[in-house]
């Protein structure tokens, strides 16, 4: 009989140990990121773009053994030019669909407007370059900084595939291909800015739209 009691106690302890272990693993598991249905086509577009880039990359010499900065720059430029030729008809909104644009603006307004959004707004503005012409398939200017996107804000945005990233140029949200250093799409007036900054950004955008700087574009490549 004592042996039966010991066996019973052992079994109870074993079950409790297993239960606690499962509970701990479940609590450590990161919650899955839910995606608004409005982003469905946008994410399909992004996936199709990455597949196109991968297809083009297979036709280029491998970059694995290249460490020289000029070789890397040349490789990125070649990749960008081939991508640009392949998506020759791309315009603003080709990636950021109207449905996605509405929800993106809603998220950015919720996260960056008012006193609660001051930290995110300040982070974006302080790291953002001055307004420049957003040219689809164009190179992101090498002379301009790449903005920071606060982690809390990034968590609210749909997750992007390989080497695609969100960046800000003042109030404009840019979709950038880091591998090709290429601007894939732009969503203008996406982020809320203070009145003074909004006026500056608008004025700068108007100037760049009226007088595109071909010399700067060539230099950035």
N, C-alpha and C. Protein backbone atom coordinates (compact mmCIF):
# COMPACT_ATOMS: atom_id res chain seq x y z
N UNK A 1 0.81 -1.23 0.00
CA UNK A 1 0.00 0.00 0.00
C UNK A 1 0.85 1.28 0.00
N UNK A 2 1.92 1.35 0.84
CA UNK A 2 2.77 2.54 0.80
C UNK A 2 3.32 2.78 -0.59
N UNK A 3 3.66 1.66 -1.29
CA UNK A 3 4.19 1.80 -2.64
C UNK A 3 3.18 2.44 -3.59
N UNK A 4 1.92 2.06 -3.41
CA UNK A 4 0.85 2.64 -4.23
C UNK A 4 0.72 4.13 -3.98
N UNK A 5 0.84 4.53 -2.71
CA UNK A 5 0.74 5.96 -2.37
C UNK A 5 1.90 6.74 -2.99
N UNK A 6 3.09 6.14 -2.92
CA UNK A 6 4.26 6.80 -3.49
C UNK A 6 4.12 6.94 -5.01
N UNK A 7 3.60 5.87 -5.64
CA UNK A 7 3.40 5.90 -7.08
C UNK A 7 2.38 6.96 -7.46
N UNK A 8 1.31 7.03 -6.68
CA UNK A 8 0.26 8.02 -6.94
C UNK A 8 0.82 9.45 -6.80
N UNK A 9 1.60 9.68 -5.75
CA UNK A 9 2.21 11.01 -5.52
C UNK A 9 3.15 11.37 -6.66
N UNK A 10 3.90 10.36 -7.12
CA UNK A 10 4.83 10.59 -8.23
C UNK A 10 4.09 10.98 -9.50
N UNK A 11 2.99 10.30 -9.78
CA UNK A 11 2.21 10.58 -10.99
C UNK A 11 1.60 11.97 -10.93
N UNK A 12 1.10 12.37 -9.75
CA UNK A 12 0.52 13.70 -9.59
C UNK A 12 1.57 14.77 -9.84
N UNK A 13 2.77 14.57 -9.25
CA UNK A 13 3.87 15.54 -9.44
C UNK A 13 4.26 15.63 -10.91
N UNK A 14 4.29 14.49 -11.60
CA UNK A 14 4.67 14.47 -13.01
C UNK A 14 3.67 15.25 -13.86
N UNK A 15 2.38 15.01 -13.60
CA UNK A 15 1.34 15.71 -14.36
C UNK A 15 1.41 17.22 -14.11
N UNK A 16 1.61 17.60 -12.86
CA UNK A 16 1.70 19.03 -12.52
C UNK A 16 2.91 19.67 -13.19
N UNK A 17 4.03 18.95 -13.21
CA UNK A 17 5.25 19.48 -13.84
C UNK A 17 5.04 19.70 -15.33
N UNK A 18 4.42 18.73 -15.97
CA UNK A 18 4.15 18.86 -17.41
C UNK A 18 3.21 20.02 -17.69
N UNK A 19 2.19 20.16 -16.86
CA UNK A 19 1.20 21.23 -17.04
C UNK A 19 1.85 22.60 -16.90
N UNK A 20 2.71 22.75 -15.86
CA UNK A 20 3.40 24.03 -15.64
C UNK A 20 4.33 24.35 -16.79
N UNK A 21 5.03 23.32 -17.27
CA UNK A 21 5.95 23.52 -18.40
C UNK A 21 5.23 23.99 -19.64
N UNK A 22 4.08 23.38 -19.94
CA UNK A 22 3.29 23.78 -21.11
C UNK A 22 2.78 25.20 -20.95
N UNK A 23 2.34 25.56 -19.73
CA UNK A 23 1.82 26.90 -19.46
C UNK A 23 2.89 27.95 -19.64
N UNK A 24 4.13 27.63 -19.20
CA UNK A 24 5.24 28.59 -19.33
C UNK A 24 5.58 28.81 -20.79
N UNK A 25 5.65 27.69 -21.56
CA UNK A 25 5.95 27.82 -23.00
C UNK A 25 4.88 28.62 -23.73
N UNK A 26 3.64 28.43 -23.34
CA UNK A 26 2.54 29.16 -23.98
C UNK A 26 2.62 30.65 -23.68
N UNK A 27 3.03 30.99 -22.44
CA UNK A 27 3.13 32.40 -22.08
C UNK A 27 4.31 33.08 -22.75
N UNK A 28 5.38 32.28 -23.02
CA UNK A 28 6.56 32.84 -23.68
C UNK A 28 6.35 33.04 -25.17
N UNK A 29 5.38 32.36 -25.72
CA UNK A 29 5.13 32.44 -27.16
C UNK A 29 4.63 33.83 -27.53
N UNK A 30 5.27 34.45 -28.54
CA UNK A 30 4.88 35.79 -28.98
C UNK A 30 3.52 35.73 -29.68
N UNK A 31 2.66 36.71 -29.38
CA UNK A 31 1.36 36.72 -30.05
C UNK A 31 1.53 36.95 -31.54
N UNK A 32 0.74 36.25 -32.33
CA UNK A 32 0.83 36.41 -33.78
C UNK A 32 0.29 37.79 -34.19
N UNK A 33 0.97 38.37 -35.17
CA UNK A 33 0.58 39.69 -35.65
C UNK A 33 -0.62 39.56 -36.58
N UNK A 34 -1.70 40.22 -36.22
CA UNK A 34 -2.89 40.17 -37.07
C UNK A 34 -2.77 41.23 -38.16
N UNK A 35 -3.27 40.93 -39.32
CA UNK A 35 -3.18 41.85 -40.45
C UNK A 35 -4.56 42.23 -40.94
N UNK A 36 -4.78 43.52 -41.09
CA UNK A 36 -6.06 44.02 -41.58
C UNK A 36 -6.29 43.49 -43.00
N UNK A 37 -7.48 43.03 -43.32
CA UNK A 37 -7.79 42.52 -44.67
C UNK A 37 -7.52 43.56 -45.76
N UNK A 38 -7.54 44.84 -45.38
CA UNK A 38 -7.29 45.90 -46.37
C UNK A 38 -5.87 45.83 -46.93
N UNK A 39 -4.97 45.14 -46.21
CA UNK A 39 -3.59 45.04 -46.65
C UNK A 39 -3.33 43.82 -47.54
N UNK A 40 -4.35 43.02 -47.78
CA UNK A 40 -4.16 41.76 -48.52
C UNK A 40 -3.50 41.97 -49.88
N UNK A 41 -4.05 42.87 -50.69
CA UNK A 41 -3.49 43.09 -52.03
C UNK A 41 -2.12 43.76 -51.95
N UNK A 42 -1.95 44.67 -51.02
CA UNK A 42 -0.66 45.33 -50.82
C UNK A 42 0.42 44.29 -50.53
N UNK A 43 0.14 43.35 -49.65
CA UNK A 43 1.11 42.31 -49.30
C UNK A 43 1.36 41.35 -50.46
N UNK A 44 0.32 41.10 -51.25
CA UNK A 44 0.52 40.27 -52.46
C UNK A 44 1.43 41.00 -53.44
N UNK A 45 1.23 42.32 -53.56
CA UNK A 45 2.09 43.13 -54.43
C UNK A 45 3.54 43.08 -53.97
N UNK A 46 3.73 43.19 -52.65
CA UNK A 46 5.08 43.18 -52.08
C UNK A 46 5.75 41.83 -52.32
N UNK A 47 4.99 40.76 -52.14
CA UNK A 47 5.54 39.42 -52.37
C UNK A 47 5.92 39.23 -53.83
N UNK A 48 5.06 39.69 -54.74
CA UNK A 48 5.33 39.57 -56.17
C UNK A 48 6.58 40.37 -56.55
N UNK A 49 6.75 41.53 -55.92
CA UNK A 49 7.93 42.35 -56.20
C UNK A 49 9.20 41.62 -55.78
N UNK A 50 9.20 41.03 -54.58
CA UNK A 50 10.38 40.31 -54.09
C UNK A 50 10.70 39.12 -55.00
N UNK A 51 9.67 38.43 -55.48
CA UNK A 51 9.89 37.30 -56.40
C UNK A 51 10.53 37.79 -57.70
N UNK A 52 10.10 38.97 -58.17
CA UNK A 52 10.69 39.56 -59.37
C UNK A 52 12.16 39.89 -59.12
N UNK A 53 12.45 40.49 -57.98
CA UNK A 53 13.83 40.85 -57.66
C UNK A 53 14.71 39.61 -57.57
N UNK A 54 14.21 38.55 -56.94
CA UNK A 54 14.97 37.31 -56.82
C UNK A 54 15.27 36.71 -58.19
N UNK A 55 14.29 36.80 -59.09
CA UNK A 55 14.46 36.28 -60.45
C UNK A 55 15.57 37.06 -61.17
N UNK A 56 15.57 38.39 -61.00
CA UNK A 56 16.58 39.23 -61.65
C UNK A 56 17.95 39.00 -61.02
N UNK A 57 17.98 38.82 -59.71
CA UNK A 57 19.26 38.61 -59.01
C UNK A 57 19.98 37.38 -59.53
N UNK A 58 19.23 36.38 -59.94
CA UNK A 58 19.84 35.14 -60.45
C UNK A 58 20.59 35.38 -61.75
N UNK A 59 20.27 36.46 -62.46
CA UNK A 59 20.95 36.77 -63.73
C UNK A 59 22.20 37.62 -63.52
N UNK A 60 22.42 38.08 -62.28
CA UNK A 60 23.57 38.95 -61.99
C UNK A 60 24.69 38.16 -61.31
N UNK A 61 25.93 38.64 -61.45
CA UNK A 61 27.05 38.00 -60.73
C UNK A 61 26.80 38.05 -59.23
N UNK A 62 27.23 37.02 -58.53
CA UNK A 62 27.02 36.95 -57.08
C UNK A 62 27.77 38.09 -56.38
N UNK A 63 27.15 38.62 -55.34
CA UNK A 63 27.75 39.72 -54.57
C UNK A 63 28.46 39.18 -53.32
N UNK A 64 28.39 37.89 -53.09
CA UNK A 64 28.90 37.30 -51.85
C UNK A 64 30.38 37.61 -51.61
N UNK A 65 31.19 37.56 -52.67
CA UNK A 65 32.64 37.75 -52.51
C UNK A 65 33.07 39.20 -52.73
N UNK A 66 32.13 40.07 -52.96
CA UNK A 66 32.48 41.47 -53.23
C UNK A 66 32.45 42.26 -51.93
N UNK A 67 33.58 42.89 -51.62
CA UNK A 67 33.65 43.71 -50.42
C UNK A 67 33.96 45.17 -50.74
N UNK A 68 34.39 45.41 -51.97
CA UNK A 68 34.72 46.76 -52.38
C UNK A 68 33.44 47.59 -52.48
N UNK A 69 33.46 48.79 -51.89
CA UNK A 69 32.28 49.65 -51.84
C UNK A 69 31.78 50.02 -53.23
N UNK A 70 32.69 50.24 -54.15
CA UNK A 70 32.30 50.63 -55.51
C UNK A 70 31.63 49.46 -56.23
N UNK A 71 32.11 48.24 -55.99
CA UNK A 71 31.49 47.06 -56.61
C UNK A 71 30.09 46.85 -56.07
N UNK A 72 29.91 47.06 -54.78
CA UNK A 72 28.59 46.92 -54.16
C UNK A 72 27.64 47.97 -54.70
N UNK A 73 28.13 49.21 -54.82
CA UNK A 73 27.30 50.30 -55.36
C UNK A 73 26.89 50.00 -56.79
N UNK A 74 27.85 49.50 -57.59
CA UNK A 74 27.58 49.18 -58.99
C UNK A 74 26.56 48.04 -59.10
N UNK A 75 26.68 47.04 -58.23
CA UNK A 75 25.75 45.91 -58.23
C UNK A 75 24.34 46.39 -57.90
N UNK A 76 24.22 47.26 -56.89
CA UNK A 76 22.90 47.79 -56.51
C UNK A 76 22.30 48.60 -57.65
N UNK A 77 23.13 49.39 -58.32
CA UNK A 77 22.63 50.21 -59.42
C UNK A 77 22.14 49.33 -60.57
N UNK A 78 22.90 48.29 -60.90
CA UNK A 78 22.49 47.38 -61.98
C UNK A 78 21.18 46.69 -61.63
N UNK A 79 21.07 46.25 -60.39
CA UNK A 79 19.84 45.59 -59.93
C UNK A 79 18.67 46.55 -60.02
N UNK A 80 18.88 47.79 -59.59
CA UNK A 80 17.80 48.78 -59.62
C UNK A 80 17.36 49.07 -61.06
N UNK A 81 18.31 49.24 -61.96
CA UNK A 81 17.97 49.55 -63.35
C UNK A 81 17.19 48.41 -64.01
N UNK A 82 17.57 47.18 -63.69
CA UNK A 82 16.85 46.03 -64.26
C UNK A 82 15.45 45.93 -63.67
N UNK A 83 15.33 46.22 -62.37
CA UNK A 83 14.01 46.21 -61.73
C UNK A 83 13.13 47.32 -62.31
N UNK A 84 13.73 48.49 -62.51
CA UNK A 84 12.99 49.62 -63.06
C UNK A 84 12.48 49.30 -64.46
N UNK A 85 13.31 48.62 -65.26
CA UNK A 85 12.89 48.25 -66.62
C UNK A 85 11.76 47.22 -66.57
N UNK A 86 11.84 46.32 -65.61
CA UNK A 86 10.82 45.27 -65.49
C UNK A 86 9.48 45.82 -65.01
N UNK A 87 9.53 46.91 -64.22
CA UNK A 87 8.27 47.52 -63.74
C UNK A 87 8.13 48.94 -64.31
N UNK A 88 8.33 49.00 -65.60
CA UNK A 88 8.34 50.26 -66.33
C UNK A 88 7.05 51.07 -66.17
N UNK A 89 5.93 50.40 -66.02
CA UNK A 89 4.65 51.12 -65.92
C UNK A 89 4.24 51.46 -64.51
N UNK A 90 5.10 51.19 -63.53
CA UNK A 90 4.73 51.42 -62.13
C UNK A 90 4.52 52.91 -61.84
N UNK A 91 3.46 53.21 -61.10
CA UNK A 91 3.16 54.58 -60.70
C UNK A 91 2.87 54.60 -59.20
N UNK A 92 2.70 55.80 -58.65
CA UNK A 92 2.35 55.89 -57.24
C UNK A 92 1.02 55.19 -57.00
N UNK A 93 1.01 54.30 -56.03
CA UNK A 93 -0.20 53.53 -55.76
C UNK A 93 -0.14 52.13 -56.34
N UNK A 94 0.93 51.81 -57.09
CA UNK A 94 1.06 50.47 -57.65
C UNK A 94 1.23 49.43 -56.55
N UNK A 95 1.86 49.84 -55.46
CA UNK A 95 2.05 48.93 -54.32
C UNK A 95 1.07 49.28 -53.20
N UNK A 96 1.07 50.55 -52.80
CA UNK A 96 0.14 51.01 -51.77
C UNK A 96 -1.25 51.17 -52.39
N UNK A 97 -2.05 50.13 -52.33
CA UNK A 97 -3.39 50.18 -52.93
C UNK A 97 -4.25 51.22 -52.19
N UNK A 98 -5.33 51.70 -52.80
CA UNK A 98 -6.20 52.67 -52.12
C UNK A 98 -6.71 52.16 -50.77
N UNK A 99 -7.04 50.87 -50.70
CA UNK A 99 -7.52 50.29 -49.43
C UNK A 99 -6.42 50.32 -48.37
N UNK A 100 -5.21 49.95 -48.77
CA UNK A 100 -4.09 49.96 -47.84
C UNK A 100 -3.75 51.38 -47.41
N UNK A 101 -3.82 52.33 -48.35
CA UNK A 101 -3.49 53.72 -48.05
C UNK A 101 -4.39 54.29 -46.97
N UNK A 102 -5.67 53.98 -47.04
CA UNK A 102 -6.63 54.48 -46.04
C UNK A 102 -6.26 53.99 -44.65
N UNK A 103 -5.96 52.70 -44.53
CA UNK A 103 -5.66 52.12 -43.22
C UNK A 103 -4.29 52.58 -42.72
N UNK A 104 -3.33 52.70 -43.62
CA UNK A 104 -2.00 53.18 -43.23
C UNK A 104 -2.08 54.60 -42.67
N UNK A 105 -2.82 55.46 -43.34
CA UNK A 105 -2.96 56.84 -42.84
C UNK A 105 -3.66 56.85 -41.48
N UNK A 106 -4.64 55.96 -41.32
CA UNK A 106 -5.37 55.88 -40.05
C UNK A 106 -4.42 55.46 -38.92
N UNK A 107 -3.58 54.46 -39.20
CA UNK A 107 -2.62 53.98 -38.19
C UNK A 107 -1.62 55.07 -37.84
N UNK A 108 -1.07 55.71 -38.86
CA UNK A 108 -0.06 56.74 -38.62
C UNK A 108 -0.64 57.93 -37.86
N UNK A 109 -1.87 58.29 -38.18
CA UNK A 109 -2.52 59.39 -37.45
C UNK A 109 -2.75 59.01 -35.99
N UNK A 110 -3.18 57.79 -35.76
CA UNK A 110 -3.44 57.33 -34.39
C UNK A 110 -2.16 57.27 -33.56
N UNK A 111 -1.05 56.89 -34.20
CA UNK A 111 0.20 56.70 -33.47
C UNK A 111 1.05 57.96 -33.38
N UNK A 112 0.80 58.95 -34.24
CA UNK A 112 1.71 60.10 -34.30
C UNK A 112 1.05 61.45 -34.01
N UNK A 113 -0.26 61.47 -33.89
CA UNK A 113 -0.94 62.75 -33.67
C UNK A 113 -1.11 63.04 -32.17
N UNK A 114 -1.14 64.32 -31.83
CA UNK A 114 -1.42 64.74 -30.45
C UNK A 114 -0.28 64.48 -29.50
N UNK A 115 -0.49 64.78 -28.22
CA UNK A 115 0.55 64.60 -27.20
C UNK A 115 1.05 63.16 -27.10
N UNK A 116 0.14 62.21 -27.26
CA UNK A 116 0.52 60.80 -27.14
C UNK A 116 1.47 60.36 -28.26
N UNK A 117 1.36 61.03 -29.40
CA UNK A 117 2.20 60.65 -30.54
C UNK A 117 3.46 61.48 -30.69
N UNK A 118 3.74 62.31 -29.69
CA UNK A 118 4.88 63.24 -29.80
C UNK A 118 6.20 62.50 -29.97
N UNK A 119 6.42 61.43 -29.20
CA UNK A 119 7.69 60.70 -29.27
C UNK A 119 7.91 60.11 -30.66
N UNK A 120 6.89 59.43 -31.18
CA UNK A 120 7.00 58.84 -32.52
C UNK A 120 7.18 59.92 -33.58
N UNK A 121 6.41 61.00 -33.44
CA UNK A 121 6.48 62.10 -34.42
C UNK A 121 7.87 62.74 -34.41
N UNK A 122 8.41 62.97 -33.21
CA UNK A 122 9.72 63.59 -33.09
C UNK A 122 10.81 62.69 -33.65
N UNK A 123 10.71 61.40 -33.35
CA UNK A 123 11.70 60.43 -33.86
C UNK A 123 11.74 60.43 -35.38
N UNK A 124 10.56 60.43 -35.99
CA UNK A 124 10.47 60.41 -37.45
C UNK A 124 11.01 61.71 -38.05
N UNK A 125 10.58 62.85 -37.49
CA UNK A 125 10.98 64.15 -38.04
C UNK A 125 12.48 64.41 -37.90
N UNK A 126 13.03 64.04 -36.75
CA UNK A 126 14.45 64.31 -36.51
C UNK A 126 15.36 63.45 -37.38
N UNK A 127 14.88 62.27 -37.77
CA UNK A 127 15.71 61.38 -38.59
C UNK A 127 15.38 61.48 -40.07
N UNK A 128 14.28 62.15 -40.39
CA UNK A 128 13.84 62.22 -41.78
C UNK A 128 14.68 63.21 -42.60
N UNK A 129 14.96 62.87 -43.86
CA UNK A 129 15.66 63.82 -44.73
C UNK A 129 14.72 64.96 -45.12
N UNK A 130 15.27 66.01 -45.66
CA UNK A 130 14.44 67.09 -46.21
C UNK A 130 13.69 66.52 -47.40
N UNK A 131 12.56 67.14 -47.70
CA UNK A 131 11.73 66.62 -48.79
C UNK A 131 12.50 66.59 -50.11
N UNK A 132 12.41 65.49 -50.82
CA UNK A 132 12.99 65.39 -52.16
C UNK A 132 11.97 64.71 -53.06
N UNK A 133 12.18 64.79 -54.36
CA UNK A 133 11.23 64.23 -55.30
C UNK A 133 11.10 62.72 -55.11
N UNK A 134 9.88 62.27 -54.92
CA UNK A 134 9.62 60.84 -54.78
C UNK A 134 9.40 60.27 -56.18
N UNK A 135 10.42 59.64 -56.71
CA UNK A 135 10.35 59.12 -58.06
C UNK A 135 10.28 57.60 -58.02
N UNK A 136 9.16 57.04 -58.48
CA UNK A 136 9.00 55.59 -58.49
C UNK A 136 10.08 54.95 -59.37
N UNK A 137 10.71 53.91 -58.86
CA UNK A 137 11.83 53.21 -59.50
C UNK A 137 13.13 54.00 -59.45
N UNK A 138 13.10 55.17 -58.83
CA UNK A 138 14.31 55.98 -58.71
C UNK A 138 15.15 55.53 -57.53
N UNK A 139 16.41 55.95 -57.53
CA UNK A 139 17.31 55.60 -56.43
C UNK A 139 17.01 56.50 -55.23
N UNK A 140 17.09 55.92 -54.04
CA UNK A 140 17.00 56.73 -52.83
C UNK A 140 18.31 57.51 -52.76
N UNK A 141 18.27 58.85 -52.67
CA UNK A 141 19.50 59.65 -52.73
C UNK A 141 20.56 59.21 -51.72
N UNK A 142 21.76 58.94 -52.22
CA UNK A 142 22.84 58.46 -51.36
C UNK A 142 23.28 59.53 -50.36
N UNK A 143 23.00 60.79 -50.68
CA UNK A 143 23.43 61.89 -49.81
C UNK A 143 22.43 62.16 -48.68
N UNK A 144 21.27 61.52 -48.73
CA UNK A 144 20.24 61.78 -47.72
C UNK A 144 20.21 60.66 -46.67
N UNK A 145 19.90 61.03 -45.41
CA UNK A 145 19.79 60.01 -44.37
C UNK A 145 18.56 59.14 -44.58
N UNK A 146 18.57 57.97 -43.97
CA UNK A 146 17.41 57.08 -44.01
C UNK A 146 16.71 57.20 -42.67
N UNK A 147 15.43 57.53 -42.69
CA UNK A 147 14.70 57.82 -41.46
C UNK A 147 14.57 56.60 -40.56
N UNK A 148 14.36 56.90 -39.28
CA UNK A 148 14.08 55.86 -38.29
C UNK A 148 12.57 55.68 -38.18
N UNK A 149 12.12 54.43 -38.09
CA UNK A 149 10.72 54.14 -37.83
C UNK A 149 10.64 53.55 -36.43
N UNK A 150 10.00 54.24 -35.47
CA UNK A 150 9.94 53.73 -34.09
C UNK A 150 9.40 52.30 -34.03
N UNK A 151 10.01 51.44 -33.20
CA UNK A 151 9.58 50.03 -33.11
C UNK A 151 8.10 49.86 -32.81
N UNK A 152 7.56 50.70 -31.90
CA UNK A 152 6.14 50.58 -31.55
C UNK A 152 5.25 50.86 -32.76
N UNK A 153 5.68 51.83 -33.58
CA UNK A 153 4.92 52.16 -34.79
C UNK A 153 5.07 51.05 -35.82
N UNK A 154 6.28 50.54 -35.95
CA UNK A 154 6.55 49.48 -36.93
C UNK A 154 5.71 48.24 -36.64
N UNK A 155 5.47 47.96 -35.36
CA UNK A 155 4.66 46.80 -34.97
C UNK A 155 3.21 46.92 -35.44
N UNK A 156 2.75 48.14 -35.65
CA UNK A 156 1.36 48.36 -36.07
C UNK A 156 1.20 48.25 -37.59
N UNK A 157 2.32 48.30 -38.30
CA UNK A 157 2.28 48.25 -39.77
C UNK A 157 2.42 46.81 -40.25
N UNK A 158 1.86 46.49 -41.43
CA UNK A 158 1.98 45.13 -41.94
C UNK A 158 3.44 44.74 -42.16
N UNK A 159 3.78 43.51 -41.80
CA UNK A 159 5.15 43.04 -41.92
C UNK A 159 5.54 42.86 -43.38
N UNK A 160 6.71 43.38 -43.74
CA UNK A 160 7.16 43.36 -45.13
C UNK A 160 8.09 42.18 -45.39
N UNK A 161 8.12 41.69 -46.63
CA UNK A 161 9.04 40.60 -46.97
C UNK A 161 10.48 41.08 -47.10
N UNK A 162 11.33 40.16 -47.44
CA UNK A 162 12.79 40.32 -47.51
C UNK A 162 13.29 41.65 -48.07
N UNK A 163 14.00 42.41 -47.21
CA UNK A 163 14.70 43.65 -47.58
C UNK A 163 13.82 44.80 -48.08
N UNK A 164 12.52 44.72 -47.86
CA UNK A 164 11.66 45.87 -48.11
C UNK A 164 11.47 46.59 -46.78
N UNK A 165 11.39 47.91 -46.82
CA UNK A 165 11.28 48.66 -45.57
C UNK A 165 10.46 49.93 -45.74
N UNK A 166 9.85 50.34 -44.62
CA UNK A 166 9.13 51.61 -44.57
C UNK A 166 10.12 52.70 -44.18
N UNK A 167 10.05 53.83 -44.86
CA UNK A 167 10.86 54.99 -44.51
C UNK A 167 10.01 56.24 -44.68
N UNK A 168 10.40 57.30 -43.99
CA UNK A 168 9.68 58.56 -44.10
C UNK A 168 10.55 59.62 -44.75
N UNK A 169 9.93 60.42 -45.59
CA UNK A 169 10.53 61.66 -46.07
C UNK A 169 9.54 62.74 -45.68
N UNK A 170 9.77 63.33 -44.51
CA UNK A 170 8.81 64.22 -43.89
C UNK A 170 7.47 63.48 -43.72
N UNK A 171 6.39 63.99 -44.32
CA UNK A 171 5.08 63.35 -44.12
C UNK A 171 4.81 62.21 -45.11
N UNK A 172 5.71 62.01 -46.05
CA UNK A 172 5.53 60.95 -47.06
C UNK A 172 6.09 59.63 -46.57
N UNK A 173 5.28 58.59 -46.68
CA UNK A 173 5.73 57.24 -46.36
C UNK A 173 6.26 56.59 -47.63
N UNK A 174 7.47 56.09 -47.54
CA UNK A 174 8.12 55.48 -48.71
C UNK A 174 8.30 53.99 -48.49
N UNK A 175 8.09 53.23 -49.55
CA UNK A 175 8.40 51.81 -49.55
C UNK A 175 9.73 51.67 -50.30
N UNK A 176 10.75 51.21 -49.60
CA UNK A 176 12.11 51.18 -50.17
C UNK A 176 12.64 49.76 -50.22
N UNK A 177 13.31 49.46 -51.33
CA UNK A 177 14.02 48.20 -51.45
C UNK A 177 15.46 48.45 -51.04
N UNK A 178 15.87 47.93 -49.88
CA UNK A 178 17.21 48.18 -49.36
C UNK A 178 18.28 47.51 -50.23
N UNK A 179 17.95 46.37 -50.84
CA UNK A 179 18.92 45.65 -51.67
C UNK A 179 19.27 46.43 -52.93
N UNK A 180 18.27 47.06 -53.51
CA UNK A 180 18.49 47.80 -54.76
C UNK A 180 18.57 49.30 -54.52
N UNK A 181 18.39 49.73 -53.27
CA UNK A 181 18.33 51.15 -52.92
C UNK A 181 17.32 51.88 -53.82
N UNK A 182 16.15 51.28 -53.97
CA UNK A 182 15.16 51.82 -54.90
C UNK A 182 13.86 52.20 -54.18
N UNK A 183 13.27 53.30 -54.63
CA UNK A 183 11.96 53.72 -54.13
C UNK A 183 10.90 52.96 -54.93
N UNK A 184 10.15 52.12 -54.24
CA UNK A 184 9.16 51.28 -54.91
C UNK A 184 7.81 52.00 -55.00
N UNK A 185 7.45 52.72 -53.93
CA UNK A 185 6.18 53.44 -53.92
C UNK A 185 6.22 54.54 -52.86
N UNK A 186 5.33 55.50 -53.00
CA UNK A 186 5.24 56.62 -52.07
C UNK A 186 3.79 56.85 -51.69
N UNK A 187 3.58 57.15 -50.43
CA UNK A 187 2.24 57.51 -49.95
C UNK A 187 2.35 58.91 -49.36
N UNK A 188 1.90 59.91 -50.12
CA UNK A 188 2.05 61.30 -49.70
C UNK A 188 1.06 61.67 -48.60
N UNK A 189 1.48 62.63 -47.77
CA UNK A 189 0.66 63.13 -46.66
C UNK A 189 0.14 61.97 -45.81
N UNK A 190 1.03 61.03 -45.55
CA UNK A 190 0.65 59.85 -44.77
C UNK A 190 0.75 60.10 -43.27
N UNK A 191 1.78 60.85 -42.88
CA UNK A 191 2.02 61.09 -41.45
C UNK A 191 1.62 62.50 -41.07
N UNK A 192 1.02 62.68 -39.89
CA UNK A 192 0.65 64.02 -39.44
C UNK A 192 1.88 64.79 -38.99
N UNK A 193 2.00 66.03 -39.45
CA UNK A 193 3.12 66.88 -39.06
C UNK A 193 2.60 68.14 -38.38
N UNK A 194 3.41 68.76 -37.49
CA UNK A 194 3.04 70.06 -36.95
C UNK A 194 2.85 71.06 -38.08
N UNK A 195 2.02 72.05 -37.88
CA UNK A 195 1.68 73.01 -38.94
C UNK A 195 2.91 73.62 -39.60
N UNK A 196 3.89 74.02 -38.80
CA UNK A 196 5.09 74.67 -39.35
C UNK A 196 5.88 73.71 -40.24
N UNK A 197 6.04 72.47 -39.76
CA UNK A 197 6.78 71.48 -40.54
C UNK A 197 6.02 71.09 -41.79
N UNK A 198 4.68 71.05 -41.69
CA UNK A 198 3.84 70.70 -42.84
C UNK A 198 4.01 71.72 -43.96
N UNK A 199 4.07 73.01 -43.57
CA UNK A 199 4.24 74.08 -44.56
C UNK A 199 5.59 73.97 -45.25
N UNK A 200 6.64 73.67 -44.48
CA UNK A 200 7.98 73.52 -45.05
C UNK A 200 8.01 72.34 -46.02
N UNK A 201 7.46 71.21 -45.58
CA UNK A 201 7.46 70.01 -46.41
C UNK A 201 6.69 70.22 -47.69
N UNK A 202 5.53 70.89 -47.59
CA UNK A 202 4.70 71.15 -48.76
C UNK A 202 5.43 72.04 -49.75
N UNK A 203 6.10 73.09 -49.22
CA UNK A 203 6.84 74.01 -50.07
C UNK A 203 7.98 73.29 -50.78
N UNK A 204 8.70 72.45 -50.04
CA UNK A 204 9.82 71.70 -50.61
C UNK A 204 9.34 70.72 -51.67
N UNK A 205 8.21 70.05 -51.41
CA UNK A 205 7.66 69.09 -52.38
C UNK A 205 7.26 69.79 -53.68
N UNK A 206 6.67 71.00 -53.54
CA UNK A 206 6.26 71.75 -54.72
C UNK A 206 7.46 72.13 -55.57
N UNK A 207 8.57 72.50 -54.90
CA UNK A 207 9.77 72.89 -55.63
C UNK A 207 10.37 71.70 -56.37
N UNK A 208 10.42 70.55 -55.70
CA UNK A 208 11.01 69.38 -56.34
C UNK A 208 10.13 68.87 -57.47
N UNK A 209 8.81 69.03 -57.33
CA UNK A 209 7.91 68.60 -58.40
C UNK A 209 8.05 69.47 -59.64
N UNK A 210 8.30 70.80 -59.40
CA UNK A 210 8.40 71.74 -60.51
C UNK A 210 9.75 71.64 -61.21
N UNK A 211 10.82 71.40 -60.40
CA UNK A 211 12.16 71.36 -60.97
C UNK A 211 12.88 70.08 -60.55
N UNK A 212 12.61 68.99 -61.20
CA UNK A 212 13.30 67.75 -60.85
C UNK A 212 14.80 67.89 -61.08
N UNK A 213 15.59 67.51 -60.11
CA UNK A 213 17.03 67.66 -60.18
C UNK A 213 17.66 66.40 -60.77
N UNK A 214 17.86 66.42 -62.09
CA UNK A 214 18.39 65.25 -62.76
C UNK A 214 19.83 64.97 -62.34
N UNK A 215 20.55 66.06 -62.00
CA UNK A 215 21.92 65.90 -61.59
C UNK A 215 22.00 65.14 -60.28
N UNK A 216 21.09 65.48 -59.34
CA UNK A 216 21.07 64.80 -58.04
C UNK A 216 20.68 63.34 -58.20
N UNK A 217 19.75 63.08 -59.13
CA UNK A 217 19.32 61.69 -59.39
C UNK A 217 20.48 60.86 -59.91
N UNK A 218 21.26 61.48 -60.81
CA UNK A 218 22.39 60.77 -61.38
C UNK A 218 23.44 60.48 -60.33
N UNK A 219 23.66 61.48 -59.43
CA UNK A 219 24.64 61.32 -58.36
C UNK A 219 24.23 60.23 -57.39
N UNK A 220 22.93 60.15 -57.10
CA UNK A 220 22.44 59.19 -56.12
C UNK A 220 22.58 57.77 -56.58
N UNK A 221 22.64 57.57 -57.87
CA UNK A 221 22.76 56.22 -58.41
C UNK A 221 24.13 55.64 -58.14
